[in-house]
PDB file of N, CA and C in Angstrom:
ATOM      1  N   MET A   1      91.088 127.738  81.127  1.00  0.00           N
ATOM      2  CA  MET A   1      91.794 127.435  82.537  1.00  0.00           C
ATOM      3  C   MET A   1      91.072 126.336  83.652  1.00  0.00           C
ATOM      4  N   ILE A   2      91.307 125.885  83.964  1.00  0.00           N
ATOM      5  CA  ILE A   2      90.725 124.663  84.495  1.00  0.00           C
ATOM      6  C   ILE A   2      89.604 125.363  86.385  1.00  0.00           C
ATOM      7  N   ALA A   3      89.022 125.498  86.356  1.00  0.00           N
ATOM      8  CA  ALA A   3      87.289 125.812  86.993  1.00  0.00           C
ATOM      9  C   ALA A   3      87.789 125.352  88.251  1.00  0.00           C
ATOM     10  N   THR A   4      86.825 125.283  89.669  1.00  0.00           N
ATOM     11  CA  THR A   4      86.092 125.144  90.928  1.00  0.00           C
ATOM     12  C   THR A   4      85.740 123.599  90.412  1.00  0.00           C
ATOM     13  N   PRO A   5      85.344 122.429  91.171  1.00  0.00           N
ATOM     14  CA  PRO A   5      85.492 121.234  91.463  1.00  0.00           C
ATOM     15  C   PRO A   5      83.575 121.123  90.712  1.00  0.00           C
ATOM     16  N   HIS A   6      83.561 120.130  89.519  1.00  0.00           N
ATOM     17  CA  HIS A   6      81.900 120.426  88.989  1.00  0.00           C
ATOM     18  C   HIS A   6      81.216 119.678  90.416  1.00  0.00           C
ATOM     19  N   ILE A   7      81.844 118.519  91.370  1.00  0.00           N
ATOM     20  CA  ILE A   7      81.197 118.567  92.441  1.00  0.00           C
ATOM     21  C   ILE A   7      81.595 118.758  92.874  1.00  0.00           C
ATOM     22  N   TRP A   8      81.907 118.970  94.530  1.00  0.00           N
ATOM     23  CA  TRP A   8      82.334 120.002  95.398  1.00  0.00           C
ATOM     24  C   TRP A   8      82.533 119.049  96.367  1.00  0.00           C
ATOM     25  N   TRP A   9      81.380 118.281  96.524  1.00  0.00           N
ATOM     26  CA  TRP A   9      81.905 117.360  97.545  1.00  0.00           C
ATOM     27  C   TRP A   9      82.838 116.146  97.512  1.00  0.00           C
ATOM     28  N   LEU A  10      82.813 115.662  96.055  1.00  0.00           N
ATOM     29  CA  LEU A  10      84.097 114.581  96.204  1.00  0.00           C
ATOM     30  C   LEU A  10      85.031 115.097  96.802  1.00  0.00           C
ATOM     31  N   THR A  11      85.880 116.241  96.391  1.00  0.00           N
ATOM     32  CA  THR A  11      87.369 116.754  96.930  1.00  0.00           C
ATOM     33  C   THR A  11      87.358 117.404  97.722  1.00  0.00           C
ATOM     34  N   ALA A  12      86.135 117.420  98.055  1.00  0.00           N
ATOM     35  CA  ALA A  12      85.097 117.888 100.400  1.00  0.00           C
ATOM     36  C   ALA A  12      86.177 116.117 100.833  1.00  0.00           C
ATOM     37  N   ALA A  13      85.449 115.211 100.251  1.00  0.00           N
ATOM     38  CA  ALA A  13      85.148 114.099 100.822  1.00  0.00           C
ATOM     39  C   ALA A  13      87.167 114.133 100.988  1.00  0.00           C
ATOM     40  N   LEU A  14      87.418 114.394  99.924  1.00  0.00           N
ATOM     41  CA  LEU A  14      89.229 113.362  99.605  1.00  0.00           C
ATOM     42  C   LEU A  14      90.266 114.095 100.688  1.00  0.00           C
ATOM     43  N   ALA A  15      89.992 115.369 100.880  1.00  0.00           N
ATOM     44  CA  ALA A  15      90.345 116.642 101.546  1.00  0.00           C
ATOM     45  C   ALA A  15      90.060 115.870 103.188  1.00  0.00           C
ATOM     46  N   ALA A  16      89.434 115.259 103.319  1.00  0.00           N
ATOM     47  CA  ALA A  16      88.079 115.025 104.958  1.00  0.00           C
ATOM     48  C   ALA A  16      89.304 113.595 104.785  1.00  0.00           C
ATOM     49  N   ILE A  17      89.853 112.546 103.923  1.00  0.00           N
ATOM     50  CA  ILE A  17      89.682 111.264 104.004  1.00  0.00           C
ATOM     51  C   ILE A  17      91.532 111.112 104.338  1.00  0.00           C
ATOM     52  N   LEU A  18      92.015 112.601 103.696  1.00  0.00           N
ATOM     53  CA  LEU A  18      93.478 112.832 103.424  1.00  0.00           C
ATOM     54  C   LEU A  18      94.060 113.307 104.963  1.00  0.00           C
ATOM     55  N   LEU A  19      93.170 114.243 105.252  1.00  0.00           N
ATOM     56  CA  LEU A  19      93.329 114.527 106.541  1.00  0.00           C
ATOM     57  C   LEU A  19      93.162 113.859 107.837  1.00  0.00           C
ATOM     58  N   ALA A  20      92.078 113.252 107.756  1.00  0.00           N
ATOM     59  CA  ALA A  20      92.459 111.748 108.541  1.00  0.00           C
ATOM     60  C   ALA A  20      93.592 111.227 108.667  1.00  0.00           C
ATOM     61  N   ASP A  21      93.397 110.291 107.818  1.00  0.00           N
ATOM     62  CA  ASP A  21      95.215 109.598 107.101  1.00  0.00           C
ATOM     63  C   ASP A  21      96.157 110.782 107.754  1.00  0.00           C
ATOM     64  N   ALA A  22      96.645 112.070 107.551  1.00  0.00           N
ATOM     65  CA  ALA A  22      97.542 111.999 108.020  1.00  0.00           C
ATOM     66  C   ALA A  22      97.235 112.836 109.854  1.00  0.00           C
ATOM     67  N   LEU A  23      96.447 112.334 110.849  1.00  0.00           N
ATOM     68  CA  LEU A  23      96.271 112.799 111.818  1.00  0.00           C
ATOM     69  C   LEU A  23      96.819 111.507 112.390  1.00  0.00           C
ATOM     70  N   LEU A  24      95.937 110.115 111.453  1.00  0.00           N
ATOM     71  CA  LEU A  24      96.216 109.025 112.470  1.00  0.00           C
ATOM     72  C   LEU A  24      97.805 108.205 111.704  1.00  0.00           C
ATOM     73  N   SER A  25      98.595 108.703 110.723  1.00  0.00           N
ATOM     74  CA  SER A  25      99.692 108.684 110.845  1.00  0.00           C
ATOM     75  C   SER A  25     100.914 109.610 112.055  1.00  0.00           C
ATOM     76  N   ILE A  26     100.363 110.167 112.479  1.00  0.00           N
ATOM     77  CA  ILE A  26     101.309 111.103 113.677  1.00  0.00           C
ATOM     78  C   ILE A  26     101.445 110.623 114.260  1.00  0.00           C
ATOM     79  N   ARG A  27     100.626 109.403 114.913  1.00  0.00           N
ATOM     80  CA  ARG A  27     101.331 107.801 115.852  1.00  0.00           C
ATOM     81  C   ARG A  27     100.326 106.732 115.321  1.00  0.00           C
ATOM     82  N   PRO A  28     101.802 106.007 113.908  1.00  0.00           N
ATOM     83  CA  PRO A  28     100.690 105.556 113.418  1.00  0.00           C
ATOM     84  C   PRO A  28     100.449 104.589 113.638  1.00  0.00           C
ATOM     85  N   PRO A  29      98.354 103.374 113.790  1.00  0.00           N
ATOM     86  CA  PRO A  29      98.611 102.156 113.803  1.00  0.00           C
ATOM     87  C   PRO A  29      98.949 101.751 112.979  1.00  0.00           C
ATOM     88  N   ALA A  30      99.345 100.120 114.038  1.00  0.00           N
ATOM     89  CA  ALA A  30     100.084  98.965 113.229  1.00  0.00           C
ATOM     90  C   ALA A  30      99.205  98.772 111.654  1.00  0.00           C
ATOM     91  N   PHE A  31      98.212  98.932 110.973  1.00  0.00           N
ATOM     92  CA  PHE A  31      97.917  98.932 109.307  1.00  0.00           C
ATOM     93  C   PHE A  31      99.091 100.015 109.001  1.00  0.00           C
ATOM     94  N   ILE A  32      98.967 100.926 109.186  1.00  0.00           N
ATOM     95  CA  ILE A  32      99.969 101.775 108.899  1.00  0.00           C
ATOM     96  C   ILE A  32     100.933 101.895 108.988  1.00  0.00           C
ATOM     97  N   GLN A  33     101.741 101.483 110.319  1.00  0.00           N
ATOM     98  CA  GLN A  33     103.241 101.008 110.712  1.00  0.00           C
ATOM     99  C   GLN A  33     103.514  99.813 109.468  1.00  0.00           C
ATOM    100  N   ASN A  34     102.485  98.649 109.198  1.00  0.00           N
ATOM    101  CA  ASN A  34     103.080  97.765 108.935  1.00  0.00           C
ATOM    102  C   ASN A  34     103.601  97.915 107.501  1.00  0.00           C
ATOM    103  N   CYS A  35     102.483  98.860 106.833  1.00  0.00           N
ATOM    104  CA  CYS A  35     102.716  99.212 104.943  1.00  0.00           C
ATOM    105  C   CYS A  35     103.831 100.079 105.509  1.00  0.00           C
ATOM    106  N   LEU A  36     104.966 101.497 105.991  1.00  0.00           N
ATOM    107  CA  LEU A  36     105.617 101.827 105.442  1.00  0.00           C
ATOM    108  C   LEU A  36     106.937 101.095 105.985  1.00  0.00           C
ATOM    109  N   ASP A  37     107.004 100.111 106.670  1.00  0.00           N
ATOM    110  CA  ASP A  37     107.524  99.103 107.176  1.00  0.00           C
ATOM    111  C   ASP A  37     108.025  97.993 106.398  1.00  0.00           C
ATOM    112  N   GLY A  38     106.825  97.257 105.113  1.00  0.00           N
ATOM    113  CA  GLY A  38     107.564  97.136 104.449  1.00  0.00           C
ATOM    114  C   GLY A  38     107.666  97.035 102.981  1.00  0.00           C
ATOM    115  N   VAL A  39     107.899  98.918 102.928  1.00  0.00           N
ATOM    116  CA  VAL A  39     108.471  99.663 101.780  1.00  0.00           C
ATOM    117  C   VAL A  39     109.343  99.849 101.991  1.00  0.00           C
ATOM    118  N   ALA A  40     110.291  99.557 103.377  1.00  0.00           N
ATOM    119  CA  ALA A  40     110.982  99.864 103.868  1.00  0.00           C
ATOM    120  C   ALA A  40     111.731 101.717 103.755  1.00  0.00           C
ATOM    121  N   TYR A  41     109.895 101.932 104.055  1.00  0.00           N
ATOM    122  CA  TYR A  41     110.277 103.442 104.514  1.00  0.00           C
ATOM    123  C   TYR A  41     111.057 104.062 106.047  1.00  0.00           C
ATOM    124  N   PRO A  42     111.921 105.270 105.385  1.00  0.00           N
ATOM    125  CA  PRO A  42     112.781 105.267 106.786  1.00  0.00           C
ATOM    126  C   PRO A  42     111.824 105.567 107.996  1.00  0.00           C
ATOM    127  N   ARG A  43     112.305 105.362 109.176  1.00  0.00           N
ATOM    128  CA  ARG A  43     110.999 105.720 110.649  1.00  0.00           C
ATOM    129  C   ARG A  43     111.238 107.455 110.750  1.00  0.00           C
ATOM    130  N   ASP A  44     112.644 107.722 110.451  1.00  0.00           N
ATOM    131  CA  ASP A  44     112.748 109.178 110.941  1.00  0.00           C
ATOM    132  C   ASP A  44     112.362 109.932 109.521  1.00  0.00           C
ATOM    133  N   TRP A  45     111.850 109.300 108.554  1.00  0.00           N
ATOM    134  CA  TRP A  45     111.112 110.117 108.044  1.00  0.00           C
ATOM    135  C   TRP A  45     109.677 109.795 107.794  1.00  0.00           C
ATOM    136  N   TRP A  46     109.381 109.167 108.583  1.00  0.00           N
ATOM    137  CA  TRP A  46     107.353 108.978 108.890  1.00  0.00           C
ATOM    138  C   TRP A  46     106.775 110.393 107.917  1.00  0.00           C
ATOM    139  N   TRP A  47     107.800 111.575 109.486  1.00  0.00           N
ATOM    140  CA  TRP A  47     106.158 112.624 109.359  1.00  0.00           C
ATOM    141  C   TRP A  47     106.333 113.615 108.259  1.00  0.00           C
ATOM    142  N   THR A  48     107.373 112.972 107.164  1.00  0.00           N
ATOM    143  CA  THR A  48     107.311 113.891 105.685  1.00  0.00           C
ATOM    144  C   THR A  48     105.549 113.190 105.158  1.00  0.00           C
ATOM    145  N   LEU A  49     105.535 112.180 105.295  1.00  0.00           N
ATOM    146  CA  LEU A  49     104.141 112.043 104.922  1.00  0.00           C
ATOM    147  C   LEU A  49     103.055 112.636 105.732  1.00  0.00           C
ATOM    148  N   VAL A  50     102.623 113.378 106.640  1.00  0.00           N
ATOM    149  CA  VAL A  50     102.084 113.832 107.779  1.00  0.00           C
ATOM    150  C   VAL A  50     102.285 114.564 106.614  1.00  0.00           C
ATOM    151  N   VAL A  51     102.749 116.312 106.511  1.00  0.00           N
ATOM    152  CA  VAL A  51     102.494 116.947 106.095  1.00  0.00           C
ATOM    153  C   VAL A  51     102.632 116.409 104.374  1.00  0.00           C
ATOM    154  N   VAL A  52     103.702 115.754 104.013  1.00  0.00           N
ATOM    155  CA  VAL A  52     102.229 115.699 102.505  1.00  0.00           C
ATOM    156  C   VAL A  52     101.355 115.503 102.541  1.00  0.00           C
ATOM    157  N   LYS A  53     100.170 114.852 103.173  1.00  0.00           N
ATOM    158  CA  LYS A  53      99.012 114.692 103.497  1.00  0.00           C
ATOM    159  C   LYS A  53      98.582 115.962 103.815  1.00  0.00           C
ATOM    160  N   LEU A  54      98.953 116.483 104.911  1.00  0.00           N
ATOM    161  CA  LEU A  54      98.262 117.813 104.988  1.00  0.00           C
ATOM    162  C   LEU A  54      98.184 118.823 104.112  1.00  0.00           C
ATOM    163  N   LEU A  55      98.976 119.413 103.157  1.00  0.00           N
ATOM    164  CA  LEU A  55      99.097 120.307 102.657  1.00  0.00           C
ATOM    165  C   LEU A  55      98.206 120.063 101.158  1.00  0.00           C
ATOM    166  N   ALA A  56      98.546 118.210 101.258  1.00  0.00           N
ATOM    167  CA  ALA A  56      97.131 118.343 100.105  1.00  0.00           C
ATOM    168  C   ALA A  56      96.075 118.441 100.471  1.00  0.00           C
ATOM    169  N   ALA A  57      95.642 118.041 101.345  1.00  0.00           N
ATOM    170  CA  ALA A  57      93.900 118.552 101.879  1.00  0.00           C
ATOM    171  C   ALA A  57      93.989 120.334 102.263  1.00  0.00           C
ATOM    172  N   ALA A  58      94.848 120.612 102.938  1.00  0.00           N
ATOM    173  CA  ALA A  58      94.728 122.205 102.682  1.00  0.00           C
ATOM    174  C   ALA A  58      94.590 122.521 101.190  1.00  0.00           C
ATOM    175  N   GLY A  59      95.292 121.938 100.697  1.00  0.00           N
ATOM    176  CA  GLY A  59      95.470 122.323  98.794  1.00  0.00           C
ATOM    177  C   GLY A  59      93.717 121.773  97.689  1.00  0.00           C
ATOM    178  N   LEU A  60      93.518 120.299  98.428  1.00  0.00           N
ATOM    179  CA  LEU A  60      92.525 120.471  98.134  1.00  0.00           C
ATOM    180  C   LEU A  60      90.769 121.141  98.105  1.00  0.00           C
ATOM    181  N   LEU A  61      91.045 121.684  99.354  1.00  0.00           N
ATOM    182  CA  LEU A  61      90.253 122.794 100.402  1.00  0.00           C
ATOM    183  C   LEU A  61      90.182 124.546  99.657  1.00  0.00           C
ATOM    184  N   ALA A  62      91.537 124.771  99.311  1.00  0.00           N
ATOM    185  CA  ALA A  62      91.525 125.321  98.580  1.00  0.00           C
ATOM    186  C   ALA A  62      90.988 125.842  96.923  1.00  0.00           C
ATOM    187  N   GLY A  63      90.988 125.115  96.378  1.00  0.00           N
ATOM    188  CA  GLY A  63      90.873 124.478  95.289  1.00  0.00           C
ATOM    189  C   GLY A  63      89.281 124.421  95.369  1.00  0.00           C
ATOM    190  N   LEU A  64      88.521 124.426  95.854  1.00  0.00           N
ATOM    191  CA  LEU A  64      87.040 124.601  95.664  1.00  0.00           C
ATOM    192  C   LEU A  64      87.147 125.773  96.319  1.00  0.00           C
ATOM    193  N   HIS A  65      87.428 126.981  95.860  1.00  0.00           N
ATOM    194  CA  HIS A  65      87.341 128.502  95.648  1.00  0.00           C
ATOM    195  C   HIS A  65      88.523 129.023  94.703  1.00  0.00           C
ATOM    196  N   PHE A  66      89.455 128.421  94.827  1.00  0.00           N
ATOM    197  CA  PHE A  66      90.001 129.428  93.593  1.00  0.00           C
ATOM    198  C   PHE A  66      90.219 127.947  92.787  1.00  0.00           C
ATOM    199  N   PRO A  67      89.906 128.528  91.314  1.00  0.00           N
ATOM    200  CA  PRO A  67      90.552 128.437  90.144  1.00  0.00           C
ATOM    201  C   PRO A  67      91.345 127.307  89.976  1.00  0.00           C
ATOM    202  N   GLY A  68      91.776 126.234  89.433  1.00  0.00           N
ATOM    203  CA  GLY A  68      93.133 125.061  89.250  1.00  0.00           C
ATOM    204  C   GLY A  68      93.921 124.239  90.238  1.00  0.00           C
ATOM    205  N   VAL A  69      93.493 125.602  91.939  1.00  0.00           N
ATOM    206  CA  VAL A  69      94.051 124.740  92.621  1.00  0.00           C
ATOM    207  C   VAL A  69      93.798 123.597  93.159  1.00  0.00           C
ATOM    208  N   GLY A  70      92.094 122.761  93.009  1.00  0.00           N
ATOM    209  CA  GLY A  70      91.625 121.684  93.317  1.00  0.00           C
ATOM    210  C   GLY A  70      92.665 120.339  92.583  1.00  0.00           C
ATOM    211  N   ALA A  71      92.507 121.000  91.239  1.00  0.00           N
ATOM    212  CA  ALA A  71      92.528 119.707  90.324  1.00  0.00           C
ATOM    213  C   ALA A  71      94.363 120.063  90.308  1.00  0.00           C
ATOM    214  N   THR A  72      95.624 121.106  90.462  1.00  0.00           N
ATOM    215  CA  THR A  72      96.419 120.628  90.738  1.00  0.00           C
ATOM    216  C   THR A  72      96.873 119.745  91.512  1.00  0.00           C
ATOM    217  N   ALA A  73      96.159 120.076  93.146  1.00  0.00           N
ATOM    218  CA  ALA A  73      96.776 119.195  94.272  1.00  0.00           C
ATOM    219  C   ALA A  73      96.249 117.743  94.308  1.00  0.00           C
ATOM    220  N   THR A  74      95.017 117.564  93.463  1.00  0.00           N
ATOM    221  CA  THR A  74      94.314 115.961  92.718  1.00  0.00           C
ATOM    222  C   THR A  74      95.578 115.455  92.180  1.00  0.00           C
ATOM    223  N   VAL A  75      95.744 115.647  90.498  1.00  0.00           N
ATOM    224  CA  VAL A  75      97.050 115.320  90.353  1.00  0.00           C
ATOM    225  C   VAL A  75      98.383 115.302  91.042  1.00  0.00           C
ATOM    226  N   GLY A  76      98.937 115.950  92.670  1.00  0.00           N
ATOM    227  CA  GLY A  76      99.109 115.682  93.389  1.00  0.00           C
ATOM    228  C   GLY A  76      99.361 114.240  94.073  1.00  0.00           C
ATOM    229  N   VAL A  77      97.955 114.210  94.514  1.00  0.00           N
ATOM    230  CA  VAL A  77      98.004 113.046  94.928  1.00  0.00           C
ATOM    231  C   VAL A  77      97.839 112.240  94.448  1.00  0.00           C
ATOM    232  N   VAL A  78      97.336 111.708  93.096  1.00  0.00           N
ATOM    233  CA  VAL A  78      97.111 110.694  92.416  1.00  0.00           C
ATOM    234  C   VAL A  78      98.766 109.894  92.800  1.00  0.00           C
ATOM    235  N   ALA A  79     100.088 111.775  92.128  1.00  0.00           N
ATOM    236  CA  ALA A  79     100.773 110.992  91.423  1.00  0.00           C
ATOM    237  C   ALA A  79     101.980 110.508  92.672  1.00  0.00           C
ATOM    238  N   TYR A  80     101.021 111.349  93.891  1.00  0.00           N
ATOM    239  CA  TYR A  80     101.552 110.591  95.151  1.00  0.00           C
ATOM    240  C   TYR A  80     100.992 108.816  95.472  1.00  0.00           C
ATOM    241  N   PHE A  81      99.920 108.673  95.238  1.00  0.00           N
ATOM    242  CA  PHE A  81      99.963 106.926  95.440  1.00  0.00           C
ATOM    243  C   PHE A  81     100.144 106.409  94.144  1.00  0.00           C
ATOM    244  N   VAL A  82     100.092 107.012  93.178  1.00  0.00           N
ATOM    245  CA  VAL A  82     101.520 106.014  91.618  1.00  0.00           C
ATOM    246  C   VAL A  82     102.674 105.439  92.541  1.00  0.00           C
ATOM    247  N   CYS A  83     102.770 106.992  93.579  1.00  0.00           N
ATOM    248  CA  CYS A  83     104.292 106.654  93.359  1.00  0.00           C
ATOM    249  C   CYS A  83     104.362 105.101  94.771  1.00  0.00           C
ATOM    250  N   ALA A  84     102.892 105.525  95.822  1.00  0.00           N
ATOM    251  CA  ALA A  84     102.880 104.518  96.972  1.00  0.00           C
ATOM    252  C   ALA A  84     102.720 103.042  96.001  1.00  0.00           C
ATOM    253  N   SER A  85     102.711 103.168  95.490  1.00  0.00           N
ATOM    254  CA  SER A  85     101.697 101.703  94.435  1.00  0.00           C
ATOM    255  C   SER A  85     103.239 101.458  93.927  1.00  0.00           C
ATOM    256  N   TYR A  86     104.305 102.012  93.486  1.00  0.00           N
ATOM    257  CA  TYR A  86     105.351 102.146  93.385  1.00  0.00           C
ATOM    258  C   TYR A  86     105.736 101.578  93.997  1.00  0.00           C
ATOM    259  N   ALA A  87     106.104 101.679  95.060  1.00  0.00           N
ATOM    260  CA  ALA A  87     106.447 101.440  96.728  1.00  0.00           C
ATOM    261  C   ALA A  87     106.167 100.149  96.626  1.00  0.00           C
ATOM    262  N   HIS A  88     105.533  99.808  96.969  1.00  0.00           N
ATOM    263  CA  HIS A  88     104.751  98.398  97.777  1.00  0.00           C
ATOM    264  C   HIS A  88     105.122  97.300  96.187  1.00  0.00           C
ATOM    265  N   ILE A  89     104.792  97.377  94.534  1.00  0.00           N
ATOM    266  CA  ILE A  89     105.367  96.902  93.790  1.00  0.00           C
ATOM    267  C   ILE A  89     106.928  96.444  93.766  1.00  0.00           C
ATOM    268  N   ARG A  90     107.295  97.659  94.040  1.00  0.00           N
ATOM    269  CA  ARG A  90     109.391  96.889  94.042  1.00  0.00           C
ATOM    270  C   ARG A  90     109.686  96.459  95.918  1.00  0.00           C
ATOM    271  N   ALA A  91     108.646  96.472  96.695  1.00  0.00           N
ATOM    272  CA  ALA A  91     109.357  96.292  97.628  1.00  0.00           C
ATOM    273  C   ALA A  91     108.693  94.655  97.635  1.00  0.00           C
ATOM    274  N   HIS A  92     108.240  94.468  96.741  1.00  0.00           N
ATOM    275  CA  HIS A  92     107.396  92.955  96.456  1.00  0.00           C
ATOM    276  C   HIS A  92     106.106  92.814  97.976  1.00  0.00           C
ATOM    277  N   PHE A  93     105.669  94.407  99.036  1.00  0.00           N
ATOM    278  CA  PHE A  93     104.411  94.009  99.912  1.00  0.00           C
ATOM    279  C   PHE A  93     103.176  94.350  99.106  1.00  0.00           C
ATOM    280  N   VAL A  94     102.519  93.601  98.281  1.00  0.00           N
ATOM    281  CA  VAL A  94     101.352  93.330  97.663  1.00  0.00           C
ATOM    282  C   VAL A  94     100.203  92.800  98.863  1.00  0.00           C
ATOM    283  N   LYS A  95     100.469  93.019 100.275  1.00  0.00           N
ATOM    284  CA  LYS A  95      99.217  93.093 101.247  1.00  0.00           C
ATOM    285  C   LYS A  95      98.198  93.191 101.308  1.00  0.00           C
ATOM    286  N   GLN A  96      97.669  92.924 102.104  1.00  0.00           N
ATOM    287  CA  GLN A  96      96.615  94.025 101.999  1.00  0.00           C
ATOM    288  C   GLN A  96      96.430  95.003 101.858  1.00  0.00           C
ATOM    289  N   GLU A  97      97.128  95.620 103.030  1.00  0.00           N
ATOM    290  CA  GLU A  97      97.458  96.950 102.827  1.00  0.00           C
ATOM    291  C   GLU A  97      98.015  97.425 101.599  1.00  0.00           C
ATOM    292  N   PHE A  98      98.297  97.450 100.547  1.00  0.00           N
ATOM    293  CA  PHE A  98      98.678  97.726  99.476  1.00  0.00           C
ATOM    294  C   PHE A  98      96.892  97.849  98.575  1.00  0.00           C
ATOM    295  N   TRP A  99      96.090  96.226  98.745  1.00  0.00           N
ATOM    296  CA  TRP A  99      94.617  96.021  98.099  1.00  0.00           C
ATOM    297  C   TRP A  99      94.016  97.097  98.272  1.00  0.00           C
ATOM    298  N   ILE A 100      93.986  98.149  99.696  1.00  0.00           N
ATOM    299  CA  ILE A 100      92.841  98.034 100.090  1.00  0.00           C
ATOM    300  C   ILE A 100      93.280  99.678 100.822  1.00  0.00           C
ATOM    301  N   ASN A 101      94.608  99.576 100.795  1.00  0.00           N
ATOM    302  CA  ASN A 101      94.974 100.966 101.460  1.00  0.00           C
ATOM    303  C   ASN A 101      95.427 102.404  99.735  1.00  0.00           C
ATOM    304  N   CYS A 102      95.448 101.665  99.578  1.00  0.00           N
ATOM    305  CA  CYS A 102      97.415 102.575  98.781  1.00  0.00           C
ATOM    306  C   CYS A 102      96.225 102.121  97.113  1.00  0.00           C
ATOM    307  N   LEU A 103      96.190 101.271  96.552  1.00  0.00           N
ATOM    308  CA  LEU A 103      95.365 100.820  95.351  1.00  0.00           C
ATOM    309  C   LEU A 103      94.144 101.821  95.715  1.00  0.00           C
ATOM    310  N   GLY A 104      92.755 101.732  96.781  1.00  0.00           N
ATOM    311  CA  GLY A 104      91.740 102.366  96.796  1.00  0.00           C
ATOM    312  C   GLY A 104      92.209 103.728  97.263  1.00  0.00           C
ATOM    313  N   MET A 105      93.165 104.129  97.684  1.00  0.00           N
ATOM    314  CA  MET A 105      93.148 105.871  97.751  1.00  0.00           C
ATOM    315  C   MET A 105      93.422 106.868  96.594  1.00  0.00           C
ATOM    316  N   LEU A 106      94.424 105.631  95.395  1.00  0.00           N
ATOM    317  CA  LEU A 106      94.630 105.843  93.942  1.00  0.00           C
ATOM    318  C   LEU A 106      93.722 105.545  93.490  1.00  0.00           C
ATOM    319  N   ALA A 107      92.755 105.002  93.741  1.00  0.00           N
ATOM    320  CA  ALA A 107      91.499 104.504  92.642  1.00  0.00           C
ATOM    321  C   ALA A 107      90.925 105.900  93.058  1.00  0.00           C
ATOM    322  N   LEU A 108      90.281 106.151  94.612  1.00  0.00           N
ATOM    323  CA  LEU A 108      89.467 107.540  94.747  1.00  0.00           C
ATOM    324  C   LEU A 108      89.917 108.571  94.464  1.00  0.00           C
ATOM    325  N   SER A 109      91.166 109.002  94.170  1.00  0.00           N
ATOM    326  CA  SER A 109      92.149 110.141  93.605  1.00  0.00           C
ATOM    327  C   SER A 109      91.416 110.406  92.304  1.00  0.00           C
ATOM    328  N   LEU A 110      92.077 109.409  91.682  1.00  0.00           N
ATOM    329  CA  LEU A 110      91.357 108.760  90.192  1.00  0.00           C
ATOM    330  C   LEU A 110      89.791 109.148  90.019  1.00  0.00           C
ATOM    331  N   VAL A 111      89.107 109.248  90.307  1.00  0.00           N
ATOM    332  CA  VAL A 111      87.893 109.140  90.647  1.00  0.00           C
ATOM    333  C   VAL A 111      87.521 110.560  90.789  1.00  0.00           C
ATOM    334  N   VAL A 112      87.584 110.959  92.230  1.00  0.00           N
ATOM    335  CA  VAL A 112      87.554 112.334  91.714  1.00  0.00           C
ATOM    336  C   VAL A 112      88.398 113.962  90.490  1.00  0.00           C
ATOM    337  N   LEU A 113      89.600 112.933  90.371  1.00  0.00           N
ATOM    338  CA  LEU A 113      90.077 114.521  88.668  1.00  0.00           C
ATOM    339  C   LEU A 113      89.296 114.003  87.819  1.00  0.00           C
ATOM    340  N   VAL A 114      88.897 113.234  87.737  1.00  0.00           N
ATOM    341  CA  VAL A 114      87.929 112.541  86.332  1.00  0.00           C
ATOM    342  C   VAL A 114      86.702 113.562  86.559  1.00  0.00           C
ATOM    343  N   VAL A 115      86.299 113.094  87.899  1.00  0.00           N
ATOM    344  CA  VAL A 115      84.358 113.186  88.074  1.00  0.00           C
ATOM    345  C   VAL A 115      84.089 114.845  87.689  1.00  0.00           C
ATOM    346  N   SER A 116      85.800 115.185  89.324  1.00  0.00           N
ATOM    347  CA  SER A 116      85.743 116.899  89.549  1.00  0.00           C
ATOM    348  C   SER A 116      86.087 117.543  88.461  1.00  0.00           C
ATOM    349  N   TYR A 117      86.722 117.170  87.954  1.00  0.00           N
ATOM    350  CA  TYR A 117      87.781 118.612  86.622  1.00  0.00           C
ATOM    351  C   TYR A 117      87.618 117.930  85.393  1.00  0.00           C
ATOM    352  N   THR A 118      86.577 117.696  84.596  1.00  0.00           N
ATOM    353  CA  THR A 118      86.763 117.445  83.682  1.00  0.00           C
ATOM    354  C   THR A 118      86.832 118.476  82.745  1.00  0.00           C
ATOM    355  N   ASP A 119      86.906 119.197  82.617  1.00  0.00           N
ATOM    356  CA  ASP A 119      87.889 120.344  82.051  1.00  0.00           C
ATOM    357  C   ASP A 119      89.218 120.000  81.698  1.00  0.00           C
ATOM    358  N   LEU A 120      90.357 119.518  82.545  1.00  0.00           N
ATOM    359  CA  LEU A 120      91.439 119.332  83.070  1.00  0.00           C
ATOM    360  C   LEU A 120      91.524 117.604  81.588  1.00  0.00           C
ATOM    361  N   VAL A 121      90.407 116.577  81.741  1.00  0.00           N
ATOM    362  CA  VAL A 121      90.401 115.783  81.351  1.00  0.00           C
ATOM    363  C   VAL A 121      89.852 116.264  79.808  1.00  0.00           C
ATOM    364  N   ALA A 122      88.532 117.198  79.593  1.00  0.00           N
ATOM    365  CA  ALA A 122      88.269 117.437  78.561  1.00  0.00           C
ATOM    366  C   ALA A 122      89.661 117.249  77.533  1.00  0.00           C
ATOM    367  N   GLY A 123      90.950 118.072  77.997  1.00  0.00           N
ATOM    368  CA  GLY A 123      91.536 119.694  77.350  1.00  0.00           C
ATOM    369  C   GLY A 123      90.775 120.624  77.421  1.00  0.00           C
TER     370      GLY A 123
END
């Protein structure tokens, strides 16, 4: 069974960043709007990203106490940013927002997964 994270503060930091991102996405600043418009994500659906990010942050925080939940939430966050990266590449929107926001968050979530949940990676 996958335990709770070995380095709890990495998971907590990812949760805090996702929570801040969700709160920013309620009334998105220009760089978030540019990103979503750049991949042609419909404005009527922007609220779904807020929900996904809030649920991810909640799952990460719950995973600090419940074995397996944090690893599962982290895998979900990795999958989210892999899909976001694919959307950027498919839309040919690989500007600064892609490199810093999207790939930066993908890298961070991968680091959290590998460093905090070595049980999952080790098998």
